[in-house]
């Protein structure tokens, strides 16, 4: 599986992960950084 990642620098503590045009993780919504493997599981739909 190939992955192409893009880092968009911002400010204000924003940490947002999108895959295939959909949001899969938001630090703003959860109030924390993701745990190990959490983003990958979200992308896979687990």
PDB file of N, CA and C in Angstrom:
ATOM      1  N   UNK A   1       0.856  -1.169   0.000  1.00  0.00           N
ATOM      2  CA  UNK A   1       0.000   0.000   0.000  1.00  0.00           C
ATOM      3  C   UNK A   1       0.899   1.228   0.000  1.00  0.00           C
ATOM      4  N   UNK A   2       0.721   2.106  -0.960  1.00  0.00           N
ATOM      5  CA  UNK A   2       1.487   3.335  -1.019  1.00  0.00           C
ATOM      6  C   UNK A   2       0.778   4.439  -0.265  1.00  0.00           C
ATOM      7  N   UNK A   3       1.575   5.261   0.373  1.00  0.00           N
ATOM      8  CA  UNK A   3       1.015   6.369   1.143  1.00  0.00           C
ATOM      9  C   UNK A   3       1.720   7.641   0.733  1.00  0.00           C
ATOM     10  N   UNK A   4       0.938   8.653   0.485  1.00  0.00           N
ATOM     11  CA  UNK A   4       1.491   9.963   0.185  1.00  0.00           C
ATOM     12  C   UNK A   4       1.000  10.910   1.265  1.00  0.00           C
ATOM     13  N   UNK A   5       1.923  11.467   2.032  1.00  0.00           N
ATOM     14  CA  UNK A   5       1.568  12.342   3.152  1.00  0.00           C
ATOM     15  C   UNK A   5       1.982  13.773   2.852  1.00  0.00           C
ATOM     16  N   UNK A   6       1.217  14.700   3.393  1.00  0.00           N
ATOM     17  CA  UNK A   6       1.518  16.119   3.238  1.00  0.00           C
ATOM     18  C   UNK A   6       1.360  16.782   4.600  1.00  0.00           C
ATOM     19  N   UNK A   7       2.382  17.507   5.017  1.00  0.00           N
ATOM     20  CA  UNK A   7       2.335  18.252   6.270  1.00  0.00           C
ATOM     21  C   UNK A   7       2.001  19.696   5.946  1.00  0.00           C
ATOM     22  N   UNK A   8       0.939  20.175   6.560  1.00  0.00           N
ATOM     23  CA  UNK A   8       0.556  21.574   6.391  1.00  0.00           C
ATOM     24  C   UNK A   8       0.755  22.235   7.746  1.00  0.00           C
ATOM     25  N   UNK A   9       1.779  23.055   7.830  1.00  0.00           N
ATOM     26  CA  UNK A   9       2.084  23.695   9.098  1.00  0.00           C
ATOM     27  C   UNK A   9       1.028  24.723   9.451  1.00  0.00           C
ATOM     28  N   UNK A  10       0.704  24.758  10.722  1.00  0.00           N
ATOM     29  CA  UNK A  10      -0.295  25.700  11.199  1.00  0.00           C
ATOM     30  C   UNK A  10       0.079  26.185  12.579  1.00  0.00           C
ATOM     31  N   UNK A  11      -0.873  26.696  13.265  1.00  0.00           N
ATOM     32  CA  UNK A  11      -0.638  27.181  14.612  1.00  0.00           C
ATOM     33  C   UNK A  11      -1.825  26.890  15.498  1.00  0.00           C
ATOM     34  N   UNK A  12      -1.692  27.190  16.755  1.00  0.00           N
ATOM     35  CA  UNK A  12      -2.805  27.035  17.671  1.00  0.00           C
ATOM     36  C   UNK A  12      -3.027  25.616  18.143  1.00  0.00           C
ATOM     37  N   UNK A  13      -2.039  24.725  17.972  1.00  0.00           N
ATOM     38  CA  UNK A  13      -2.169  23.367  18.470  1.00  0.00           C
ATOM     39  C   UNK A  13      -3.079  22.478  17.648  1.00  0.00           C
ATOM     40  N   UNK A  14      -3.288  22.814  16.390  1.00  0.00           N
ATOM     41  CA  UNK A  14      -4.152  22.021  15.527  1.00  0.00           C
ATOM     42  C   UNK A  14      -3.422  20.755  15.103  1.00  0.00           C
ATOM     43  N   UNK A  15      -4.076  19.607  15.247  1.00  0.00           N
ATOM     44  CA  UNK A  15      -3.557  18.334  14.757  1.00  0.00           C
ATOM     45  C   UNK A  15      -4.741  17.622  14.128  1.00  0.00           C
ATOM     46  N   UNK A  16      -4.770  17.597  12.821  1.00  0.00           N
ATOM     47  CA  UNK A  16      -5.906  17.065  12.072  1.00  0.00           C
ATOM     48  C   UNK A  16      -5.378  16.101  11.023  1.00  0.00           C
ATOM     49  N   UNK A  17      -5.963  14.917  10.937  1.00  0.00           N
ATOM     50  CA  UNK A  17      -5.544  13.921   9.956  1.00  0.00           C
ATOM     51  C   UNK A  17      -6.718  13.641   9.030  1.00  0.00           C
ATOM     52  N   UNK A  18      -6.465  13.767   7.724  1.00  0.00           N
ATOM     53  CA  UNK A  18      -7.471  13.455   6.710  1.00  0.00           C
ATOM     54  C   UNK A  18      -6.901  12.386   5.782  1.00  0.00           C
ATOM     55  N   UNK A  19      -7.765  11.503   5.307  1.00  0.00           N
ATOM     56  CA  UNK A  19      -7.374  10.461   4.360  1.00  0.00           C
ATOM     57  C   UNK A  19      -8.465  10.340   3.312  1.00  0.00           C
ATOM     58  N   UNK A  20      -8.070  10.342   2.061  1.00  0.00           N
ATOM     59  CA  UNK A  20      -9.025  10.244   0.949  1.00  0.00           C
ATOM     60  C   UNK A  20     -10.138  11.272   1.063  1.00  0.00           C
ATOM     61  N   UNK A  21      -9.791  12.477   1.500  1.00  0.00           N
ATOM     62  CA  UNK A  21     -10.753  13.565   1.565  1.00  0.00           C
ATOM     63  C   UNK A  21     -11.676  13.540   2.767  1.00  0.00           C
ATOM     64  N   UNK A  22     -11.465  12.607   3.711  1.00  0.00           N
ATOM     65  CA  UNK A  22     -12.310  12.573   4.906  1.00  0.00           C
ATOM     66  C   UNK A  22     -11.454  12.723   6.155  1.00  0.00           C
ATOM     67  N   UNK A  23     -12.001  13.373   7.132  1.00  0.00           N
ATOM     68  CA  UNK A  23     -11.306  13.568   8.406  1.00  0.00           C
ATOM     69  C   UNK A  23     -11.348  12.265   9.201  1.00  0.00           C
ATOM     70  N   UNK A  24     -10.172  11.809   9.653  1.00  0.00           N
ATOM     71  CA  UNK A  24     -10.132  10.569  10.430  1.00  0.00           C
ATOM     72  C   UNK A  24      -9.703  10.798  11.872  1.00  0.00           C
ATOM     73  N   UNK A  25      -9.100  11.957  12.150  1.00  0.00           N
ATOM     74  CA  UNK A  25      -8.723  12.257  13.535  1.00  0.00           C
ATOM     75  C   UNK A  25      -8.597  13.762  13.714  1.00  0.00           C
ATOM     76  N   UNK A  26      -9.051  14.247  14.862  1.00  0.00           N
ATOM     77  CA  UNK A  26      -8.950  15.659  15.192  1.00  0.00           C
ATOM     78  C   UNK A  26      -8.606  15.819  16.669  1.00  0.00           C
ATOM     79  N   UNK A  27      -7.463  16.422  16.938  1.00  0.00           N
ATOM     80  CA  UNK A  27      -7.082  16.700  18.326  1.00  0.00           C
ATOM     81  C   UNK A  27      -8.060  17.687  18.948  1.00  0.00           C
ATOM     82  N   UNK A  28      -8.591  18.597  18.150  1.00  0.00           N
ATOM     83  CA  UNK A  28      -9.552  19.572  18.662  1.00  0.00           C
ATOM     84  C   UNK A  28     -10.806  18.879  19.188  1.00  0.00           C
ATOM     85  N   UNK A  29     -11.254  17.842  18.486  1.00  0.00           N
ATOM     86  CA  UNK A  29     -12.460  17.123  18.902  1.00  0.00           C
ATOM     87  C   UNK A  29     -12.218  16.203  20.098  1.00  0.00           C
ATOM     88  N   UNK A  30     -11.030  15.570  20.142  1.00  0.00           N
ATOM     89  CA  UNK A  30     -10.756  14.607  21.221  1.00  0.00           C
ATOM     90  C   UNK A  30     -10.076  15.233  22.428  1.00  0.00           C
ATOM     91  N   UNK A  31      -9.408  16.383  22.212  1.00  0.00           N
ATOM     92  CA  UNK A  31      -8.686  17.041  23.304  1.00  0.00           C
ATOM     93  C   UNK A  31      -7.357  16.399  23.635  1.00  0.00           C
ATOM     94  N   UNK A  32      -6.872  15.530  22.735  1.00  0.00           N
ATOM     95  CA  UNK A  32      -5.604  14.834  22.979  1.00  0.00           C
ATOM     96  C   UNK A  32      -4.979  14.408  21.659  1.00  0.00           C
ATOM     97  N   UNK A  33      -3.678  14.059  21.729  1.00  0.00           N
ATOM     98  CA  UNK A  33      -3.021  13.478  20.570  1.00  0.00           C
ATOM     99  C   UNK A  33      -3.431  12.010  20.483  1.00  0.00           C
ATOM    100  N   UNK A  34      -3.402  11.427  19.286  1.00  0.00           N
ATOM    101  CA  UNK A  34      -3.807  10.030  19.150  1.00  0.00           C
ATOM    102  C   UNK A  34      -2.805   9.080  19.809  1.00  0.00           C
ATOM    103  N   UNK A  35      -3.307   7.943  20.255  1.00  0.00           N
ATOM    104  CA  UNK A  35      -2.449   6.894  20.789  1.00  0.00           C
ATOM    105  C   UNK A  35      -1.801   6.158  19.622  1.00  0.00           C
ATOM    106  N   UNK A  36      -0.753   5.406  19.930  1.00  0.00           N
ATOM    107  CA  UNK A  36      -0.041   4.654  18.893  1.00  0.00           C
ATOM    108  C   UNK A  36      -1.030   3.755  18.141  1.00  0.00           C
ATOM    109  N   UNK A  37      -1.024   3.842  16.812  1.00  0.00           N
ATOM    110  CA  UNK A  37      -1.868   3.014  15.967  1.00  0.00           C
ATOM    111  C   UNK A  37      -3.291   3.509  15.780  1.00  0.00           C
ATOM    112  N   UNK A  38      -3.689   4.508  16.543  1.00  0.00           N
ATOM    113  CA  UNK A  38      -5.074   4.985  16.489  1.00  0.00           C
ATOM    114  C   UNK A  38      -5.434   5.579  15.123  1.00  0.00           C
ATOM    115  N   UNK A  39      -4.536   6.346  14.545  1.00  0.00           N
ATOM    116  CA  UNK A  39      -4.810   6.964  13.241  1.00  0.00           C
ATOM    117  C   UNK A  39      -4.883   5.894  12.155  1.00  0.00           C
ATOM    118  N   UNK A  40      -3.974   4.931  12.205  1.00  0.00           N
ATOM    119  CA  UNK A  40      -3.984   3.859  11.208  1.00  0.00           C
ATOM    120  C   UNK A  40      -5.287   3.063  11.306  1.00  0.00           C
ATOM    121  N   UNK A  41      -5.734   2.762  12.504  1.00  0.00           N
ATOM    122  CA  UNK A  41      -7.006   2.042  12.677  1.00  0.00           C
ATOM    123  C   UNK A  41      -8.176   2.865  12.139  1.00  0.00           C
ATOM    124  N   UNK A  42      -8.142   4.169  12.369  1.00  0.00           N
ATOM    125  CA  UNK A  42      -9.218   5.039  11.876  1.00  0.00           C
ATOM    126  C   UNK A  42      -9.241   5.065  10.351  1.00  0.00           C
ATOM    127  N   UNK A  43      -8.077   5.090   9.735  1.00  0.00           N
ATOM    128  CA  UNK A  43      -8.000   5.094   8.272  1.00  0.00           C
ATOM    129  C   UNK A  43      -8.541   3.785   7.724  1.00  0.00           C
ATOM    130  N   UNK A  44      -8.231   2.691   8.392  1.00  0.00           N
ATOM    131  CA  UNK A  44      -8.692   1.361   7.935  1.00  0.00           C
ATOM    132  C   UNK A  44     -10.166   1.127   8.263  1.00  0.00           C
ATOM    133  N   UNK A  45     -10.749   1.989   9.096  1.00  0.00           N
ATOM    134  CA  UNK A  45     -12.147   1.839   9.466  1.00  0.00           C
ATOM    135  C   UNK A  45     -12.384   0.816  10.557  1.00  0.00           C
ATOM    136  N   UNK A  46     -11.369   0.572  11.359  1.00  0.00           N
ATOM    137  CA  UNK A  46     -11.471  -0.419  12.438  1.00  0.00           C
ATOM    138  C   UNK A  46     -12.041   0.200  13.687  1.00  0.00           C
TER     139      UNK A  46
END
